[in-house]
Amino acid sequence: MAKIPKSAIKSLVKSKNKIALTDNAASSISRILEKKAERIAKYALTRAKKSGRNTILKEDIDAYRLKFGE
């Protein structure tokens, strides 16, 4: 089950691109984004733990973006 609401995906795409999405398309995007978020969180958590923290900071997320160019 998707954790990112299809309605949020549909609204974002429509507001930026002036095009509608089907429920299936929104579900697919949601699954992709969830997997991406999991990868980012895993990297950030590893980085935080190596720094002796139990909390992910913005800098951990930024480090992922800089390392992987996203």
PDB file of N, CA and C in Angstrom:
ATOM      1  N   MET A   1       0.845  -1.184   0.000  1.00  0.00           N
ATOM      2  CA  MET A   1       0.000   0.000   0.000  1.00  0.00           C
ATOM      3  C   MET A   1       0.886   1.242   0.000  1.00  0.00           C
ATOM      4  N   ALA A   2       0.515   2.186  -0.817  1.00  0.00           N
ATOM      5  CA  ALA A   2       1.296   3.417  -0.948  1.00  0.00           C
ATOM      6  C   ALA A   2       1.153   4.293   0.289  1.00  0.00           C
ATOM      7  N   LYS A   3       2.265   4.873   0.699  1.00  0.00           N
ATOM      8  CA  LYS A   3       2.255   5.768   1.849  1.00  0.00           C
ATOM      9  C   LYS A   3       2.146   7.222   1.404  1.00  0.00           C
ATOM     10  N   ILE A   4       2.624   7.518   0.197  1.00  0.00           N
ATOM     11  CA  ILE A   4       2.475   8.861  -0.347  1.00  0.00           C
ATOM     12  C   ILE A   4       1.135   8.872  -1.087  1.00  0.00           C
ATOM     13  N   PRO A   5       0.218   9.709  -0.658  1.00  0.00           N
ATOM     14  CA  PRO A   5      -1.123   9.690  -1.243  1.00  0.00           C
ATOM     15  C   PRO A   5      -1.132   9.993  -2.746  1.00  0.00           C
ATOM     16  N   LYS A   6      -1.920   9.202  -3.465  1.00  0.00           N
ATOM     17  CA  LYS A   6      -2.063   9.426  -4.903  1.00  0.00           C
ATOM     18  C   LYS A   6      -2.564  10.837  -5.182  1.00  0.00           C
ATOM     19  N   SER A   7      -3.439  11.324  -4.318  1.00  0.00           N
ATOM     20  CA  SER A   7      -4.000  12.659  -4.531  1.00  0.00           C
ATOM     21  C   SER A   7      -2.908  13.728  -4.496  1.00  0.00           C
ATOM     22  N   ALA A   8      -1.929  13.546  -3.634  1.00  0.00           N
ATOM     23  CA  ALA A   8      -0.822  14.512  -3.556  1.00  0.00           C
ATOM     24  C   ALA A   8       0.018  14.472  -4.829  1.00  0.00           C
ATOM     25  N   ILE A   9       0.274  13.274  -5.325  1.00  0.00           N
ATOM     26  CA  ILE A   9       1.041  13.116  -6.564  1.00  0.00           C
ATOM     27  C   ILE A   9       0.280  13.754  -7.728  1.00  0.00           C
ATOM     28  N   LYS A  10      -1.003  13.445  -7.821  1.00  0.00           N
ATOM     29  CA  LYS A  10      -1.822  13.983  -8.913  1.00  0.00           C
ATOM     30  C   LYS A  10      -1.867  15.508  -8.866  1.00  0.00           C
ATOM     31  N   SER A  11      -2.016  16.051  -7.675  1.00  0.00           N
ATOM     32  CA  SER A  11      -2.085  17.497  -7.509  1.00  0.00           C
ATOM     33  C   SER A  11      -0.761  18.159  -7.905  1.00  0.00           C
ATOM     34  N   LEU A  12       0.347  17.575  -7.481  1.00  0.00           N
ATOM     35  CA  LEU A  12       1.659  18.122  -7.803  1.00  0.00           C
ATOM     36  C   LEU A  12       1.901  18.123  -9.311  1.00  0.00           C
ATOM     37  N   VAL A  13       1.634  16.995  -9.940  1.00  0.00           N
ATOM     38  CA  VAL A  13       1.859  16.893 -11.385  1.00  0.00           C
ATOM     39  C   VAL A  13       0.952  17.864 -12.142  1.00  0.00           C
ATOM     40  N   LYS A  14      -0.288  17.928 -11.732  1.00  0.00           N
ATOM     41  CA  LYS A  14      -1.226  18.815 -12.422  1.00  0.00           C
ATOM     42  C   LYS A  14      -0.830  20.282 -12.248  1.00  0.00           C
ATOM     43  N   SER A  15      -0.400  20.664 -11.053  1.00  0.00           N
ATOM     44  CA  SER A  15      -0.041  22.064 -10.818  1.00  0.00           C
ATOM     45  C   SER A  15       1.224  22.466 -11.571  1.00  0.00           C
ATOM     46  N   LYS A  16       2.147  21.540 -11.753  1.00  0.00           N
ATOM     47  CA  LYS A  16       3.413  21.846 -12.426  1.00  0.00           C
ATOM     48  C   LYS A  16       3.346  21.668 -13.938  1.00  0.00           C
ATOM     49  N   ASN A  17       2.552  20.706 -14.397  1.00  0.00           N
ATOM     50  CA  ASN A  17       2.569  20.353 -15.819  1.00  0.00           C
ATOM     51  C   ASN A  17       1.235  20.525 -16.531  1.00  0.00           C
ATOM     52  N   LYS A  18       0.225  20.893 -15.790  1.00  0.00           N
ATOM     53  CA  LYS A  18      -1.113  21.104 -16.376  1.00  0.00           C
ATOM     54  C   LYS A  18      -1.612  19.866 -17.117  1.00  0.00           C
ATOM     55  N   ILE A  19      -1.352  18.697 -16.528  1.00  0.00           N
ATOM     56  CA  ILE A  19      -1.807  17.436 -17.114  1.00  0.00           C
ATOM     57  C   ILE A  19      -2.311  16.532 -15.994  1.00  0.00           C
ATOM     58  N   ALA A  20      -3.302  15.738 -16.302  1.00  0.00           N
ATOM     59  CA  ALA A  20      -3.884  14.836 -15.308  1.00  0.00           C
ATOM     60  C   ALA A  20      -3.170  13.483 -15.333  1.00  0.00           C
ATOM     61  N   LEU A  21      -3.247  12.773 -14.213  1.00  0.00           N
ATOM     62  CA  LEU A  21      -2.692  11.426 -14.093  1.00  0.00           C
ATOM     63  C   LEU A  21      -3.805  10.446 -13.768  1.00  0.00           C
ATOM     64  N   THR A  22      -3.672   9.231 -14.256  1.00  0.00           N
ATOM     65  CA  THR A  22      -4.589   8.181 -13.827  1.00  0.00           C
ATOM     66  C   THR A  22      -4.171   7.730 -12.439  1.00  0.00           C
ATOM     67  N   ASP A  23      -5.048   7.008 -11.766  1.00  0.00           N
ATOM     68  CA  ASP A  23      -4.713   6.455 -10.450  1.00  0.00           C
ATOM     69  C   ASP A  23      -3.510   5.524 -10.541  1.00  0.00           C
ATOM     70  N   ASN A  24      -3.462   4.707 -11.606  1.00  0.00           N
ATOM     71  CA  ASN A  24      -2.341   3.773 -11.770  1.00  0.00           C
ATOM     72  C   ASN A  24      -1.025   4.510 -11.954  1.00  0.00           C
ATOM     73  N   ALA A  25      -1.033   5.587 -12.710  1.00  0.00           N
ATOM     74  CA  ALA A  25       0.188   6.374 -12.916  1.00  0.00           C
ATOM     75  C   ALA A  25       0.626   7.015 -11.605  1.00  0.00           C
ATOM     76  N   ALA A  26      -0.314   7.560 -10.866  1.00  0.00           N
ATOM     77  CA  ALA A  26       0.005   8.177  -9.577  1.00  0.00           C
ATOM     78  C   ALA A  26       0.546   7.132  -8.601  1.00  0.00           C
ATOM     79  N   SER A  27      -0.014   5.933  -8.614  1.00  0.00           N
ATOM     80  CA  SER A  27       0.477   4.850  -7.749  1.00  0.00           C
ATOM     81  C   SER A  27       1.901   4.467  -8.110  1.00  0.00           C
ATOM     82  N   SER A  28       2.199   4.410  -9.395  1.00  0.00           N
ATOM     83  CA  SER A  28       3.555   4.072  -9.840  1.00  0.00           C
ATOM     84  C   SER A  28       4.561   5.119  -9.384  1.00  0.00           C
ATOM     85  N   ILE A  29       4.220   6.379  -9.549  1.00  0.00           N
ATOM     86  CA  ILE A  29       5.103   7.452  -9.095  1.00  0.00           C
ATOM     87  C   ILE A  29       5.289   7.363  -7.583  1.00  0.00           C
ATOM     88  N   SER A  30       4.210   7.109  -6.866  1.00  0.00           N
ATOM     89  CA  SER A  30       4.273   7.001  -5.412  1.00  0.00           C
ATOM     90  C   SER A  30       5.237   5.903  -4.989  1.00  0.00           C
ATOM     91  N   ARG A  31       5.157   4.743  -5.626  1.00  0.00           N
ATOM     92  CA  ARG A  31       6.058   3.628  -5.283  1.00  0.00           C
ATOM     93  C   ARG A  31       7.517   3.989  -5.560  1.00  0.00           C
ATOM     94  N   ILE A  32       7.760   4.656  -6.679  1.00  0.00           N
ATOM     95  CA  ILE A  32       9.122   5.070  -7.026  1.00  0.00           C
ATOM     96  C   ILE A  32       9.662   6.042  -5.980  1.00  0.00           C
ATOM     97  N   LEU A  33       8.850   7.030  -5.612  1.00  0.00           N
ATOM     98  CA  LEU A  33       9.277   8.020  -4.633  1.00  0.00           C
ATOM     99  C   LEU A  33       9.517   7.395  -3.261  1.00  0.00           C
ATOM    100  N   GLU A  34       8.692   6.434  -2.893  1.00  0.00           N
ATOM    101  CA  GLU A  34       8.873   5.758  -1.608  1.00  0.00           C
ATOM    102  C   GLU A  34      10.189   4.993  -1.573  1.00  0.00           C
ATOM    103  N   LYS A  35      10.512   4.299  -2.661  1.00  0.00           N
ATOM    104  CA  LYS A  35      11.773   3.562  -2.720  1.00  0.00           C
ATOM    105  C   LYS A  35      12.953   4.519  -2.657  1.00  0.00           C
ATOM    106  N   LYS A  36      12.823   5.633  -3.354  1.00  0.00           N
ATOM    107  CA  LYS A  36      13.872   6.647  -3.335  1.00  0.00           C
ATOM    108  C   LYS A  36      14.052   7.206  -1.920  1.00  0.00           C
ATOM    109  N   ALA A  37      12.946   7.496  -1.262  1.00  0.00           N
ATOM    110  CA  ALA A  37      13.004   8.027   0.106  1.00  0.00           C
ATOM    111  C   ALA A  37      13.660   7.017   1.051  1.00  0.00           C
ATOM    112  N   GLU A  38      13.382   5.738   0.856  1.00  0.00           N
ATOM    113  CA  GLU A  38      14.003   4.705   1.684  1.00  0.00           C
ATOM    114  C   GLU A  38      15.516   4.678   1.493  1.00  0.00           C
ATOM    115  N   ARG A  39      15.977   4.803   0.237  1.00  0.00           N
ATOM    116  CA  ARG A  39      17.420   4.817  -0.034  1.00  0.00           C
ATOM    117  C   ARG A  39      18.088   6.034   0.610  1.00  0.00           C
ATOM    118  N   ILE A  40      17.438   7.186   0.479  1.00  0.00           N
ATOM    119  CA  ILE A  40      17.989   8.411   1.069  1.00  0.00           C
ATOM    120  C   ILE A  40      18.058   8.283   2.582  1.00  0.00           C
ATOM    121  N   ALA A  41      16.985   7.797   3.193  1.00  0.00           N
ATOM    122  CA  ALA A  41      16.946   7.653   4.650  1.00  0.00           C
ATOM    123  C   ALA A  41      17.995   6.658   5.139  1.00  0.00           C
ATOM    124  N   LYS A  42      18.190   5.569   4.416  1.00  0.00           N
ATOM    125  CA  LYS A  42      19.188   4.572   4.803  1.00  0.00           C
ATOM    126  C   LYS A  42      20.585   5.183   4.764  1.00  0.00           C
ATOM    127  N   TYR A  43      20.891   5.907   3.709  1.00  0.00           N
ATOM    128  CA  TYR A  43      22.188   6.564   3.597  1.00  0.00           C
ATOM    129  C   TYR A  43      22.366   7.582   4.725  1.00  0.00           C
ATOM    130  N   ALA A  44      21.345   8.398   4.937  1.00  0.00           N
ATOM    131  CA  ALA A  44      21.413   9.446   5.956  1.00  0.00           C
ATOM    132  C   ALA A  44      21.565   8.843   7.356  1.00  0.00           C
ATOM    133  N   LEU A  45      20.867   7.760   7.622  1.00  0.00           N
ATOM    134  CA  LEU A  45      20.981   7.106   8.926  1.00  0.00           C
ATOM    135  C   LEU A  45      22.386   6.562   9.145  1.00  0.00           C
ATOM    136  N   THR A  46      22.950   5.941   8.136  1.00  0.00           N
ATOM    137  CA  THR A  46      24.317   5.431   8.233  1.00  0.00           C
ATOM    138  C   THR A  46      25.286   6.568   8.524  1.00  0.00           C
ATOM    139  N   ARG A  47      25.106   7.671   7.837  1.00  0.00           N
ATOM    140  CA  ARG A  47      25.965   8.842   8.038  1.00  0.00           C
ATOM    141  C   ARG A  47      25.802   9.400   9.458  1.00  0.00           C
ATOM    142  N   ALA A  48      24.573   9.481   9.915  1.00  0.00           N
ATOM    143  CA  ALA A  48      24.321   9.986  11.270  1.00  0.00           C
ATOM    144  C   ALA A  48      24.966   9.073  12.319  1.00  0.00           C
ATOM    145  N   LYS A  49      24.786   7.766  12.159  1.00  0.00           N
ATOM    146  CA  LYS A  49      25.363   6.806  13.116  1.00  0.00           C
ATOM    147  C   LYS A  49      26.883   6.914  13.146  1.00  0.00           C
ATOM    148  N   LYS A  50      27.511   7.079  11.969  1.00  0.00           N
ATOM    149  CA  LYS A  50      28.968   7.214  11.915  1.00  0.00           C
ATOM    150  C   LYS A  50      29.429   8.481  12.628  1.00  0.00           C
ATOM    151  N   SER A  51      28.536   9.462  12.704  1.00  0.00           N
ATOM    152  CA  SER A  51      28.854  10.717  13.412  1.00  0.00           C
ATOM    153  C   SER A  51      28.447  10.659  14.882  1.00  0.00           C
ATOM    154  N   GLY A  52      27.962   9.476  15.335  1.00  0.00           N
ATOM    155  CA  GLY A  52      27.587   9.304  16.726  1.00  0.00           C
ATOM    156  C   GLY A  52      26.227   9.894  17.075  1.00  0.00           C
ATOM    157  N   ARG A  53      25.364  10.052  16.072  1.00  0.00           N
ATOM    158  CA  ARG A  53      24.036  10.622  16.298  1.00  0.00           C
ATOM    159  C   ARG A  53      22.957   9.588  16.038  1.00  0.00           C
ATOM    160  N   ASN A  54      21.827   9.779  16.697  1.00  0.00           N
ATOM    161  CA  ASN A  54      20.638   8.966  16.451  1.00  0.00           C
ATOM    162  C   ASN A  54      19.586   9.751  15.677  1.00  0.00           C
ATOM    163  N   THR A  55      19.970  10.928  15.239  1.00  0.00           N
ATOM    164  CA  THR A  55      19.042  11.812  14.539  1.00  0.00           C
ATOM    165  C   THR A  55      19.607  12.163  13.171  1.00  0.00           C
ATOM    166  N   ILE A  56      18.780  12.053  12.147  1.00  0.00           N
ATOM    167  CA  ILE A  56      19.168  12.464  10.802  1.00  0.00           C
ATOM    168  C   ILE A  56      18.983  13.973  10.696  1.00  0.00           C
ATOM    169  N   LEU A  57      20.027  14.632  10.226  1.00  0.00           N
ATOM    170  CA  LEU A  57      19.987  16.077  10.031  1.00  0.00           C
ATOM    171  C   LEU A  57      19.865  16.414   8.544  1.00  0.00           C
ATOM    172  N   LYS A  58      19.521  17.651   8.275  1.00  0.00           N
ATOM    173  CA  LYS A  58      19.433  18.115   6.888  1.00  0.00           C
ATOM    174  C   LYS A  58      20.756  17.874   6.163  1.00  0.00           C
ATOM    175  N   GLU A  59      21.854  18.059   6.869  1.00  0.00           N
ATOM    176  CA  GLU A  59      23.169  17.878   6.246  1.00  0.00           C
ATOM    177  C   GLU A  59      23.376  16.434   5.780  1.00  0.00           C
ATOM    178  N   ASP A  60      22.745  15.476   6.433  1.00  0.00           N
ATOM    179  CA  ASP A  60      22.843  14.082   6.002  1.00  0.00           C
ATOM    180  C   ASP A  60      22.106  13.878   4.675  1.00  0.00           C
ATOM    181  N   ILE A  61      20.969  14.517   4.550  1.00  0.00           N
ATOM    182  CA  ILE A  61      20.201  14.443   3.299  1.00  0.00           C
ATOM    183  C   ILE A  61      20.955  15.161   2.186  1.00  0.00           C
ATOM    184  N   ASP A  62      21.497  16.330   2.509  1.00  0.00           N
ATOM    185  CA  ASP A  62      22.269  17.090   1.523  1.00  0.00           C
ATOM    186  C   ASP A  62      23.492  16.302   1.056  1.00  0.00           C
ATOM    187  N   ALA A  63      24.116  15.557   1.966  1.00  0.00           N
ATOM    188  CA  ALA A  63      25.281  14.746   1.610  1.00  0.00           C
ATOM    189  C   ALA A  63      24.896  13.675   0.590  1.00  0.00           C
ATOM    190  N   TYR A  64      23.707  13.089   0.736  1.00  0.00           N
ATOM    191  CA  TYR A  64      23.232  12.110  -0.248  1.00  0.00           C
ATOM    192  C   TYR A  64      23.116  12.771  -1.622  1.00  0.00           C
ATOM    193  N   ARG A  65      22.492  13.944  -1.634  1.00  0.00           N
ATOM    194  CA  ARG A  65      22.284  14.656  -2.898  1.00  0.00           C
ATOM    195  C   ARG A  65      23.612  14.982  -3.564  1.00  0.00           C
ATOM    196  N   LEU A  66      24.587  15.443  -2.773  1.00  0.00           N
ATOM    197  CA  LEU A  66      25.887  15.791  -3.330  1.00  0.00           C
ATOM    198  C   LEU A  66      26.636  14.554  -3.835  1.00  0.00           C
ATOM    199  N   LYS A  67      26.545  13.467  -3.091  1.00  0.00           N
ATOM    200  CA  LYS A  67      27.259  12.245  -3.473  1.00  0.00           C
ATOM    201  C   LYS A  67      26.670  11.600  -4.730  1.00  0.00           C
ATOM    202  N   PHE A  68      25.351  11.588  -4.809  1.00  0.00           N
ATOM    203  CA  PHE A  68      24.700  10.888  -5.912  1.00  0.00           C
ATOM    204  C   PHE A  68      24.161  11.824  -6.984  1.00  0.00           C
ATOM    205  N   GLY A  69      24.360  13.120  -6.817  1.00  0.00           N
ATOM    206  CA  GLY A  69      24.002  14.082  -7.854  1.00  0.00           C
ATOM    207  C   GLY A  69      22.529  14.234  -8.107  1.00  0.00           C
ATOM    208  N   GLU A  70      21.754  14.175  -7.074  1.00  0.00           N
ATOM    209  CA  GLU A  70      20.304  14.289  -7.262  1.00  0.00           C
ATOM    210  C   GLU A  70      19.741  15.425  -6.483  1.00  0.00           C
TER     211      GLU A  70
END
